[in-house]
N, C-alpha and C. Protein backbone atom coordinates (compact mmCIF):
# COMPACT_ATOMS: atom_id res chain seq x y z
N MET A 1 -36.44 -53.37 -29.63
CA MET A 1 -35.63 -52.19 -29.85
C MET A 1 -36.21 -50.99 -29.11
N ARG A 2 -37.52 -50.85 -29.10
CA ARG A 2 -38.18 -49.71 -28.48
C ARG A 2 -37.95 -49.71 -26.97
N ALA A 3 -37.79 -50.82 -26.31
CA ALA A 3 -37.60 -50.88 -24.88
C ALA A 3 -36.21 -50.40 -24.45
N LEU A 4 -35.24 -50.40 -25.34
CA LEU A 4 -33.88 -49.99 -25.01
C LEU A 4 -33.68 -48.47 -25.06
N ILE A 5 -34.59 -47.75 -25.68
CA ILE A 5 -34.45 -46.31 -25.83
C ILE A 5 -35.09 -45.65 -24.62
N PRO A 6 -34.37 -44.76 -23.90
CA PRO A 6 -34.96 -44.07 -22.75
C PRO A 6 -36.16 -43.24 -23.18
N PRO A 7 -37.14 -43.04 -22.28
CA PRO A 7 -38.36 -42.35 -22.65
C PRO A 7 -38.19 -40.87 -22.96
N PHE A 8 -37.09 -40.19 -22.47
CA PHE A 8 -36.95 -38.77 -22.74
C PHE A 8 -36.39 -38.49 -24.13
N PHE A 9 -35.89 -39.50 -24.82
CA PHE A 9 -35.47 -39.31 -26.19
C PHE A 9 -36.66 -39.55 -27.10
N GLY A 10 -36.87 -38.69 -28.03
CA GLY A 10 -37.97 -38.87 -28.98
C GLY A 10 -37.65 -40.00 -29.94
N LEU A 11 -38.64 -40.44 -30.60
CA LEU A 11 -38.45 -41.52 -31.56
C LEU A 11 -38.24 -40.98 -32.96
N GLY A 12 -38.11 -39.67 -33.07
CA GLY A 12 -37.96 -39.05 -34.39
C GLY A 12 -36.53 -39.18 -34.87
N ASP A 13 -35.98 -38.08 -35.39
CA ASP A 13 -34.63 -38.09 -35.97
C ASP A 13 -33.53 -37.91 -34.94
N GLY A 14 -33.84 -37.92 -33.67
CA GLY A 14 -32.83 -37.79 -32.62
C GLY A 14 -32.70 -36.37 -32.12
N ASN A 15 -33.42 -35.41 -32.68
CA ASN A 15 -33.36 -34.03 -32.27
C ASN A 15 -34.56 -33.62 -31.44
N GLU A 16 -35.35 -34.56 -31.01
CA GLU A 16 -36.55 -34.27 -30.25
C GLU A 16 -36.39 -34.78 -28.83
N ALA A 17 -37.12 -34.21 -27.91
CA ALA A 17 -37.13 -34.68 -26.55
C ALA A 17 -38.52 -34.44 -25.97
N ASP A 18 -38.95 -35.31 -25.07
CA ASP A 18 -40.23 -35.14 -24.39
C ASP A 18 -40.00 -34.29 -23.16
N LEU A 19 -40.54 -33.08 -23.15
CA LEU A 19 -40.40 -32.17 -22.03
C LEU A 19 -41.79 -31.82 -21.53
N PRO A 20 -41.96 -31.58 -20.22
CA PRO A 20 -43.28 -31.20 -19.73
C PRO A 20 -43.68 -29.83 -20.27
N THR A 21 -44.99 -29.64 -20.50
CA THR A 21 -45.46 -28.38 -21.05
C THR A 21 -45.75 -27.35 -19.98
N PHE A 22 -45.89 -27.74 -18.73
CA PHE A 22 -46.12 -26.79 -17.65
C PHE A 22 -45.16 -27.10 -16.51
N GLN A 23 -44.89 -26.09 -15.69
CA GLN A 23 -43.97 -26.27 -14.56
C GLN A 23 -44.73 -26.08 -13.27
N ASP A 24 -44.28 -26.80 -12.26
CA ASP A 24 -44.83 -26.65 -10.93
C ASP A 24 -44.39 -25.28 -10.38
N ALA A 25 -45.20 -24.63 -9.55
CA ALA A 25 -44.88 -23.31 -9.00
C ALA A 25 -43.61 -23.37 -8.14
N ALA A 26 -43.36 -24.48 -7.45
CA ALA A 26 -42.17 -24.60 -6.61
C ALA A 26 -40.90 -24.65 -7.45
N CYS A 27 -41.00 -25.08 -8.68
CA CYS A 27 -39.83 -25.19 -9.55
C CYS A 27 -39.74 -24.03 -10.53
N ALA A 28 -40.51 -22.99 -10.34
CA ALA A 28 -40.54 -21.88 -11.29
C ALA A 28 -39.20 -21.16 -11.36
N ALA A 29 -38.52 -21.01 -10.23
CA ALA A 29 -37.22 -20.33 -10.21
C ALA A 29 -36.16 -21.33 -9.77
N PRO A 30 -35.59 -22.07 -10.69
CA PRO A 30 -34.60 -23.07 -10.30
C PRO A 30 -33.32 -22.42 -9.80
N TRP A 31 -32.63 -23.13 -8.94
CA TRP A 31 -31.36 -22.65 -8.42
C TRP A 31 -30.26 -23.03 -9.41
N LEU A 32 -29.49 -22.04 -9.82
CA LEU A 32 -28.38 -22.27 -10.73
C LEU A 32 -27.09 -21.95 -9.99
N PRO A 33 -26.07 -22.82 -10.07
CA PRO A 33 -24.86 -22.59 -9.29
C PRO A 33 -24.14 -21.30 -9.64
N GLY A 34 -24.20 -20.85 -10.88
CA GLY A 34 -23.47 -19.64 -11.26
C GLY A 34 -24.28 -18.37 -11.13
N ALA A 35 -25.53 -18.47 -10.69
CA ALA A 35 -26.39 -17.30 -10.65
C ALA A 35 -26.06 -16.37 -9.49
N GLN A 36 -25.53 -16.87 -8.39
CA GLN A 36 -25.21 -16.03 -7.24
C GLN A 36 -23.86 -15.35 -7.46
N ARG A 37 -23.75 -14.17 -6.94
CA ARG A 37 -22.50 -13.42 -7.07
C ARG A 37 -21.51 -13.88 -6.01
N HIS A 38 -20.25 -13.82 -6.35
CA HIS A 38 -19.19 -14.17 -5.41
C HIS A 38 -19.04 -13.04 -4.40
N ALA A 39 -18.73 -13.38 -3.14
CA ALA A 39 -18.68 -12.38 -2.07
C ALA A 39 -17.58 -11.34 -2.29
N ARG A 40 -16.48 -11.68 -2.94
CA ARG A 40 -15.36 -10.74 -3.07
C ARG A 40 -15.31 -10.04 -4.42
N ARG A 41 -16.16 -10.43 -5.35
CA ARG A 41 -16.15 -9.79 -6.66
C ARG A 41 -16.91 -8.47 -6.59
N PRO A 42 -16.54 -7.51 -7.42
CA PRO A 42 -17.26 -6.23 -7.40
C PRO A 42 -18.72 -6.42 -7.80
N ARG A 43 -19.57 -5.64 -7.20
CA ARG A 43 -21.01 -5.76 -7.44
C ARG A 43 -21.48 -4.62 -8.34
N ARG A 44 -22.52 -4.91 -9.08
CA ARG A 44 -23.14 -3.87 -9.88
C ARG A 44 -24.06 -3.04 -8.97
N ALA A 45 -24.50 -1.91 -9.46
CA ALA A 45 -25.36 -1.04 -8.67
C ALA A 45 -26.70 -1.68 -8.36
N SER A 46 -27.18 -2.58 -9.21
CA SER A 46 -28.48 -3.20 -9.00
C SER A 46 -28.47 -4.25 -7.89
N GLN A 47 -27.29 -4.73 -7.53
CA GLN A 47 -27.21 -5.77 -6.51
C GLN A 47 -26.71 -5.16 -5.20
N PRO A 48 -27.49 -5.29 -4.11
CA PRO A 48 -27.05 -4.68 -2.84
C PRO A 48 -25.85 -5.42 -2.27
N ALA A 49 -25.07 -4.69 -1.52
CA ALA A 49 -23.90 -5.28 -0.88
C ALA A 49 -24.32 -6.18 0.26
N ARG A 50 -23.53 -7.21 0.52
CA ARG A 50 -23.82 -8.15 1.60
C ARG A 50 -23.61 -7.46 2.94
N GLN A 51 -24.54 -7.67 3.84
CA GLN A 51 -24.43 -7.08 5.17
C GLN A 51 -23.62 -8.00 6.07
N GLY A 52 -22.75 -7.45 6.84
CA GLY A 52 -21.93 -8.24 7.74
C GLY A 52 -20.96 -7.33 8.46
N PRO A 53 -20.23 -7.87 9.41
CA PRO A 53 -19.27 -7.03 10.14
C PRO A 53 -18.14 -6.59 9.22
N ALA A 54 -17.77 -5.35 9.36
CA ALA A 54 -16.68 -4.82 8.55
C ALA A 54 -15.35 -5.34 9.08
N ALA A 55 -14.56 -5.92 8.21
CA ALA A 55 -13.26 -6.46 8.60
C ALA A 55 -12.27 -5.31 8.74
N PRO A 56 -11.40 -5.36 9.74
CA PRO A 56 -10.39 -4.30 9.87
C PRO A 56 -9.41 -4.38 8.70
N ARG A 57 -9.07 -3.25 8.15
CA ARG A 57 -8.18 -3.20 7.01
C ARG A 57 -6.83 -2.64 7.43
N VAL A 58 -5.79 -3.22 6.94
CA VAL A 58 -4.44 -2.73 7.20
C VAL A 58 -4.05 -1.85 6.03
N VAL A 59 -3.77 -0.63 6.31
CA VAL A 59 -3.42 0.32 5.27
C VAL A 59 -1.99 0.79 5.52
N ALA A 60 -1.20 0.77 4.49
CA ALA A 60 0.19 1.20 4.61
C ALA A 60 0.26 2.71 4.76
N ALA A 61 1.19 3.15 5.55
CA ALA A 61 1.39 4.59 5.71
C ALA A 61 1.90 5.16 4.39
N ALA A 62 1.72 6.44 4.21
CA ALA A 62 2.14 7.09 2.97
C ALA A 62 3.64 6.91 2.78
N GLY A 63 4.01 6.48 1.60
CA GLY A 63 5.42 6.31 1.28
C GLY A 63 6.01 4.99 1.74
N LYS A 64 5.26 4.18 2.47
CA LYS A 64 5.77 2.89 2.91
C LYS A 64 5.32 1.81 1.96
N ARG A 65 6.12 0.80 1.83
CA ARG A 65 5.80 -0.30 0.94
C ARG A 65 6.05 -1.59 1.69
N PHE A 66 5.07 -2.49 1.64
CA PHE A 66 5.21 -3.74 2.37
C PHE A 66 6.06 -4.76 1.64
N GLY A 67 6.04 -4.78 0.35
CA GLY A 67 6.78 -5.78 -0.41
C GLY A 67 8.23 -5.36 -0.63
N LEU A 68 8.91 -6.13 -1.44
CA LEU A 68 10.29 -5.81 -1.80
C LEU A 68 10.31 -5.38 -3.25
N ASP A 69 10.52 -4.10 -3.47
CA ASP A 69 10.57 -3.59 -4.83
C ASP A 69 11.89 -4.02 -5.48
N PRO A 70 12.03 -3.84 -6.78
CA PRO A 70 13.26 -4.28 -7.47
C PRO A 70 14.54 -3.68 -6.90
N ALA A 71 14.47 -2.49 -6.29
CA ALA A 71 15.67 -1.89 -5.72
C ALA A 71 16.14 -2.63 -4.47
N ARG A 72 15.30 -3.44 -3.87
CA ARG A 72 15.63 -4.17 -2.64
C ARG A 72 16.01 -5.63 -2.91
N ARG A 73 16.10 -6.02 -4.19
CA ARG A 73 16.41 -7.41 -4.51
C ARG A 73 17.66 -7.49 -5.38
N LEU A 74 18.41 -8.57 -5.22
CA LEU A 74 19.48 -8.88 -6.14
C LEU A 74 18.84 -9.66 -7.28
N ARG A 75 18.96 -9.15 -8.49
CA ARG A 75 18.19 -9.72 -9.59
C ARG A 75 19.04 -10.34 -10.68
N GLN A 76 20.29 -9.98 -10.77
CA GLN A 76 21.10 -10.44 -11.89
C GLN A 76 22.07 -11.53 -11.45
N LYS A 77 22.36 -12.40 -12.35
CA LYS A 77 23.28 -13.51 -12.09
C LYS A 77 24.66 -12.99 -11.67
N ALA A 78 25.09 -11.91 -12.28
CA ALA A 78 26.40 -11.34 -11.96
C ALA A 78 26.47 -10.88 -10.51
N GLN A 79 25.37 -10.35 -9.99
CA GLN A 79 25.34 -9.91 -8.59
C GLN A 79 25.47 -11.11 -7.64
N PHE A 80 24.79 -12.21 -7.96
CA PHE A 80 24.90 -13.42 -7.15
C PHE A 80 26.32 -13.97 -7.20
N GLU A 81 26.89 -14.05 -8.39
CA GLU A 81 28.24 -14.60 -8.53
C GLU A 81 29.28 -13.74 -7.83
N ARG A 82 29.12 -12.42 -7.88
CA ARG A 82 30.05 -11.52 -7.20
C ARG A 82 30.02 -11.77 -5.69
N LEU A 83 28.82 -11.92 -5.12
CA LEU A 83 28.72 -12.18 -3.69
C LEU A 83 29.28 -13.54 -3.32
N LEU A 84 29.02 -14.55 -4.15
CA LEU A 84 29.52 -15.89 -3.86
C LEU A 84 31.05 -15.94 -3.90
N ARG A 85 31.66 -15.16 -4.79
CA ARG A 85 33.12 -15.18 -4.93
C ARG A 85 33.83 -14.21 -3.98
N GLN A 86 33.29 -12.99 -3.85
CA GLN A 86 34.01 -11.94 -3.14
C GLN A 86 33.37 -11.55 -1.82
N GLY A 87 32.15 -11.98 -1.57
CA GLY A 87 31.47 -11.57 -0.35
C GLY A 87 32.01 -12.25 0.89
N VAL A 88 31.78 -11.63 2.03
CA VAL A 88 32.16 -12.22 3.32
C VAL A 88 31.16 -13.31 3.64
N ARG A 89 31.66 -14.49 3.97
CA ARG A 89 30.79 -15.64 4.23
C ARG A 89 30.65 -15.85 5.73
N ARG A 90 29.39 -15.96 6.18
CA ARG A 90 29.11 -16.23 7.59
C ARG A 90 28.17 -17.41 7.68
N ASN A 91 28.48 -18.36 8.56
CA ASN A 91 27.60 -19.49 8.84
C ASN A 91 27.04 -19.32 10.24
N LEU A 92 25.72 -19.16 10.33
CA LEU A 92 25.06 -19.00 11.61
C LEU A 92 23.84 -19.91 11.67
N ALA A 93 23.80 -20.81 12.64
CA ALA A 93 22.65 -21.69 12.87
C ALA A 93 22.24 -22.46 11.62
N GLY A 94 23.20 -22.86 10.82
CA GLY A 94 22.91 -23.63 9.61
C GLY A 94 22.67 -22.76 8.38
N TYR A 95 22.39 -21.48 8.59
CA TYR A 95 22.19 -20.56 7.46
C TYR A 95 23.55 -20.11 6.96
N ARG A 96 23.65 -19.90 5.67
CA ARG A 96 24.87 -19.40 5.07
C ARG A 96 24.56 -18.01 4.51
N PHE A 97 25.28 -17.01 4.98
CA PHE A 97 25.08 -15.63 4.55
C PHE A 97 26.32 -15.17 3.79
N TYR A 98 26.12 -14.52 2.67
CA TYR A 98 27.19 -13.88 1.91
C TYR A 98 26.89 -12.38 1.96
N LEU A 99 27.84 -11.60 2.48
CA LEU A 99 27.62 -10.18 2.72
C LEU A 99 28.61 -9.33 1.95
N GLU A 100 28.16 -8.14 1.60
CA GLU A 100 29.06 -7.14 1.04
C GLU A 100 28.47 -5.77 1.34
N ARG A 101 29.25 -4.94 2.02
CA ARG A 101 28.82 -3.58 2.34
C ARG A 101 28.94 -2.71 1.10
N ARG A 102 28.00 -1.76 0.99
CA ARG A 102 28.04 -0.77 -0.08
C ARG A 102 28.15 0.61 0.52
N ASP A 103 28.47 1.59 -0.30
CA ASP A 103 28.63 2.97 0.20
C ASP A 103 27.30 3.58 0.60
N ALA A 104 26.28 3.37 -0.21
CA ALA A 104 24.98 4.01 0.07
C ALA A 104 23.88 3.14 -0.51
N GLY A 105 22.67 3.46 -0.10
CA GLY A 105 21.51 2.74 -0.63
C GLY A 105 20.88 1.84 0.42
N ALA A 106 19.85 1.16 0.02
CA ALA A 106 19.13 0.28 0.92
C ALA A 106 19.70 -1.14 0.85
N ALA A 107 19.37 -1.93 1.83
CA ALA A 107 19.80 -3.33 1.84
C ALA A 107 19.12 -4.07 0.70
N ARG A 108 19.87 -5.00 0.08
CA ARG A 108 19.32 -5.81 -1.01
C ARG A 108 19.46 -7.28 -0.66
N LEU A 109 18.49 -8.09 -1.09
CA LEU A 109 18.41 -9.50 -0.72
C LEU A 109 18.47 -10.39 -1.94
N GLY A 110 19.21 -11.48 -1.80
CA GLY A 110 19.20 -12.57 -2.77
C GLY A 110 18.99 -13.86 -2.00
N ILE A 111 18.30 -14.82 -2.60
CA ILE A 111 17.97 -16.07 -1.92
C ILE A 111 18.43 -17.24 -2.78
N LEU A 112 19.11 -18.21 -2.14
CA LEU A 112 19.53 -19.43 -2.82
C LEU A 112 18.79 -20.61 -2.19
N VAL A 113 17.79 -21.13 -2.89
CA VAL A 113 17.06 -22.31 -2.43
C VAL A 113 16.99 -23.28 -3.59
N SER A 114 17.56 -24.46 -3.41
CA SER A 114 17.60 -25.44 -4.48
C SER A 114 16.69 -26.63 -4.16
N LYS A 115 16.68 -27.60 -5.05
CA LYS A 115 15.86 -28.80 -4.84
C LYS A 115 16.39 -29.65 -3.70
N LYS A 116 17.62 -29.42 -3.27
CA LYS A 116 18.14 -30.13 -2.10
C LYS A 116 17.45 -29.65 -0.83
N HIS A 117 16.98 -28.40 -0.83
CA HIS A 117 16.28 -27.87 0.34
C HIS A 117 14.91 -28.51 0.47
N ALA A 118 14.19 -28.63 -0.64
CA ALA A 118 12.86 -29.25 -0.65
C ALA A 118 12.59 -29.69 -2.09
N ALA A 119 12.09 -30.89 -2.23
CA ALA A 119 11.86 -31.44 -3.57
C ALA A 119 10.69 -30.73 -4.27
N ARG A 120 9.68 -30.35 -3.50
CA ARG A 120 8.50 -29.74 -4.10
C ARG A 120 8.66 -28.23 -4.18
N ALA A 121 8.24 -27.67 -5.30
CA ALA A 121 8.34 -26.23 -5.52
C ALA A 121 7.53 -25.44 -4.50
N VAL A 122 6.41 -26.02 -4.07
CA VAL A 122 5.57 -25.34 -3.08
C VAL A 122 6.35 -25.09 -1.79
N GLU A 123 7.08 -26.08 -1.35
CA GLU A 123 7.88 -25.95 -0.13
C GLU A 123 9.03 -24.97 -0.32
N ARG A 124 9.67 -25.01 -1.48
CA ARG A 124 10.77 -24.06 -1.74
C ARG A 124 10.24 -22.62 -1.73
N ASN A 125 9.08 -22.42 -2.32
CA ASN A 125 8.50 -21.07 -2.34
C ASN A 125 8.13 -20.60 -0.94
N ARG A 126 7.66 -21.50 -0.09
CA ARG A 126 7.34 -21.13 1.29
C ARG A 126 8.60 -20.74 2.06
N ILE A 127 9.67 -21.47 1.82
CA ILE A 127 10.95 -21.12 2.46
C ILE A 127 11.38 -19.72 2.03
N LYS A 128 11.26 -19.43 0.73
CA LYS A 128 11.66 -18.12 0.23
C LYS A 128 10.78 -17.02 0.80
N ARG A 129 9.48 -17.29 0.95
CA ARG A 129 8.58 -16.29 1.54
C ARG A 129 8.98 -15.96 2.97
N CYS A 130 9.35 -16.99 3.73
CA CYS A 130 9.77 -16.75 5.11
C CYS A 130 11.04 -15.91 5.16
N ILE A 131 11.99 -16.19 4.28
CA ILE A 131 13.23 -15.43 4.24
C ILE A 131 12.94 -13.98 3.86
N ARG A 132 12.09 -13.78 2.86
CA ARG A 132 11.73 -12.42 2.45
C ARG A 132 11.05 -11.64 3.57
N GLU A 133 10.17 -12.32 4.31
CA GLU A 133 9.46 -11.64 5.39
C GLU A 133 10.42 -11.21 6.50
N ALA A 134 11.34 -12.10 6.87
CA ALA A 134 12.32 -11.75 7.90
C ALA A 134 13.19 -10.58 7.43
N PHE A 135 13.60 -10.61 6.18
CA PHE A 135 14.42 -9.52 5.64
C PHE A 135 13.62 -8.22 5.60
N ARG A 136 12.35 -8.30 5.19
CA ARG A 136 11.50 -7.12 5.11
C ARG A 136 11.37 -6.42 6.46
N LEU A 137 11.26 -7.23 7.51
CA LEU A 137 11.09 -6.68 8.85
C LEU A 137 12.40 -6.10 9.41
N GLU A 138 13.54 -6.56 8.92
CA GLU A 138 14.84 -6.12 9.45
C GLU A 138 15.65 -5.28 8.48
N GLN A 139 15.11 -4.94 7.32
CA GLN A 139 15.91 -4.29 6.28
C GLN A 139 16.39 -2.90 6.68
N GLU A 140 15.64 -2.18 7.50
CA GLU A 140 16.06 -0.83 7.89
C GLU A 140 17.31 -0.86 8.76
N ALA A 141 17.44 -1.88 9.60
CA ALA A 141 18.59 -1.97 10.50
C ALA A 141 19.85 -2.46 9.78
N LEU A 142 19.70 -3.07 8.61
CA LEU A 142 20.86 -3.62 7.91
C LEU A 142 21.71 -2.56 7.23
N GLY A 143 21.12 -1.46 6.83
CA GLY A 143 21.88 -0.40 6.15
C GLY A 143 22.17 -0.76 4.71
N ALA A 144 23.25 -0.19 4.17
CA ALA A 144 23.64 -0.44 2.78
C ALA A 144 24.42 -1.74 2.71
N LEU A 145 23.70 -2.82 2.44
CA LEU A 145 24.29 -4.15 2.48
C LEU A 145 23.68 -5.01 1.39
N ASP A 146 24.53 -5.75 0.69
CA ASP A 146 24.04 -6.79 -0.21
C ASP A 146 24.12 -8.10 0.56
N LEU A 147 23.03 -8.84 0.59
CA LEU A 147 22.92 -10.04 1.41
C LEU A 147 22.39 -11.19 0.57
N LEU A 148 23.09 -12.29 0.59
CA LEU A 148 22.66 -13.52 -0.09
C LEU A 148 22.46 -14.57 1.00
N VAL A 149 21.28 -15.17 1.04
CA VAL A 149 20.92 -16.11 2.10
C VAL A 149 20.71 -17.49 1.51
N GLN A 150 21.35 -18.49 2.13
CA GLN A 150 21.10 -19.88 1.79
C GLN A 150 20.71 -20.61 3.08
N PRO A 151 19.45 -21.07 3.17
CA PRO A 151 19.00 -21.73 4.41
C PRO A 151 19.58 -23.13 4.53
N PRO A 152 19.50 -23.73 5.71
CA PRO A 152 19.99 -25.11 5.87
C PRO A 152 19.07 -26.08 5.13
N TYR A 153 19.65 -27.21 4.71
CA TYR A 153 18.87 -28.23 4.02
C TYR A 153 17.86 -28.86 4.98
N GLY A 154 16.69 -29.16 4.47
CA GLY A 154 15.67 -29.83 5.26
C GLY A 154 14.91 -28.92 6.20
N ILE A 155 15.06 -27.62 6.07
CA ILE A 155 14.35 -26.70 6.96
C ILE A 155 12.87 -26.66 6.58
N LYS A 156 12.02 -26.50 7.58
CA LYS A 156 10.58 -26.40 7.37
C LYS A 156 10.15 -24.96 7.57
N PRO A 157 9.43 -24.38 6.61
CA PRO A 157 8.97 -23.00 6.77
C PRO A 157 7.94 -22.89 7.89
N SER A 158 8.14 -21.92 8.77
CA SER A 158 7.24 -21.75 9.92
C SER A 158 7.46 -20.35 10.50
N PRO A 159 6.55 -19.92 11.37
CA PRO A 159 6.77 -18.64 12.05
C PRO A 159 8.05 -18.65 12.90
N HIS A 160 8.39 -19.81 13.45
CA HIS A 160 9.63 -19.92 14.23
C HIS A 160 10.85 -19.65 13.34
N MET A 161 10.78 -20.08 12.09
CA MET A 161 11.88 -19.84 11.15
C MET A 161 12.06 -18.34 10.93
N ILE A 162 10.95 -17.62 10.83
CA ILE A 162 11.03 -16.18 10.61
C ILE A 162 11.66 -15.48 11.81
N THR A 163 11.22 -15.84 13.02
CA THR A 163 11.78 -15.18 14.21
C THR A 163 13.26 -15.51 14.38
N ARG A 164 13.64 -16.76 14.11
CA ARG A 164 15.06 -17.16 14.22
C ARG A 164 15.91 -16.40 13.20
N LEU A 165 15.40 -16.28 11.99
CA LEU A 165 16.15 -15.57 10.95
C LEU A 165 16.24 -14.08 11.26
N ARG A 166 15.20 -13.52 11.85
CA ARG A 166 15.25 -12.11 12.27
C ARG A 166 16.35 -11.90 13.30
N GLU A 167 16.49 -12.82 14.25
CA GLU A 167 17.54 -12.73 15.26
C GLU A 167 18.92 -12.77 14.58
N LEU A 168 19.07 -13.66 13.62
CA LEU A 168 20.36 -13.77 12.92
C LEU A 168 20.66 -12.50 12.12
N LEU A 169 19.63 -11.93 11.48
CA LEU A 169 19.84 -10.70 10.71
C LEU A 169 20.18 -9.53 11.62
N GLN A 170 19.60 -9.50 12.81
CA GLN A 170 19.95 -8.46 13.78
C GLN A 170 21.40 -8.58 14.19
N GLY A 171 21.89 -9.82 14.35
CA GLY A 171 23.28 -10.05 14.68
C GLY A 171 24.20 -9.63 13.53
N LEU A 172 23.76 -9.82 12.29
CA LEU A 172 24.58 -9.40 11.15
C LEU A 172 24.67 -7.88 11.05
N SER A 173 23.58 -7.20 11.40
CA SER A 173 23.58 -5.74 11.28
C SER A 173 24.51 -5.10 12.32
N LYS A 174 24.68 -5.76 13.48
CA LYS A 174 25.56 -5.22 14.52
C LYS A 174 27.02 -5.47 14.22
N ALA A 175 27.29 -6.56 13.51
CA ALA A 175 28.69 -6.92 13.23
C ALA A 175 29.28 -6.12 12.10
């Protein structure tokens, strides 16, 4: 029975262990995986900042916003249904656009991407990001317009998709 018990377990009640009483000088400061600070987390005053080349930072101009705030998005089901029923429908390069001009205000975007476009949610979200980016870059030229975009089935999100969609949006703004 004694041969089956590992030597680091004590033979007492199970709460004992044989540990060395002294440590080697090389092992005095063991490396712990969580002891180092993460490079992007804020540092305390006692820890010096990491030295390295300063990365260029992109700063938005005053009053400019890079994202799409709620005023630039179609958010309600009724808005989508109104465009689907009453909006002008345009098919360009496989994309389906539903348009409706408004009297005033900024351009607003709605996106229709279903599981037929891509089975995985990751791919659907990438498609939506590309559409949002193209709209963000062209929204000033569109004027007061409600726009609902449905991409072609099987499309792959890529920088080429963004440039192609920007060209199509420029064509919509002129028409």
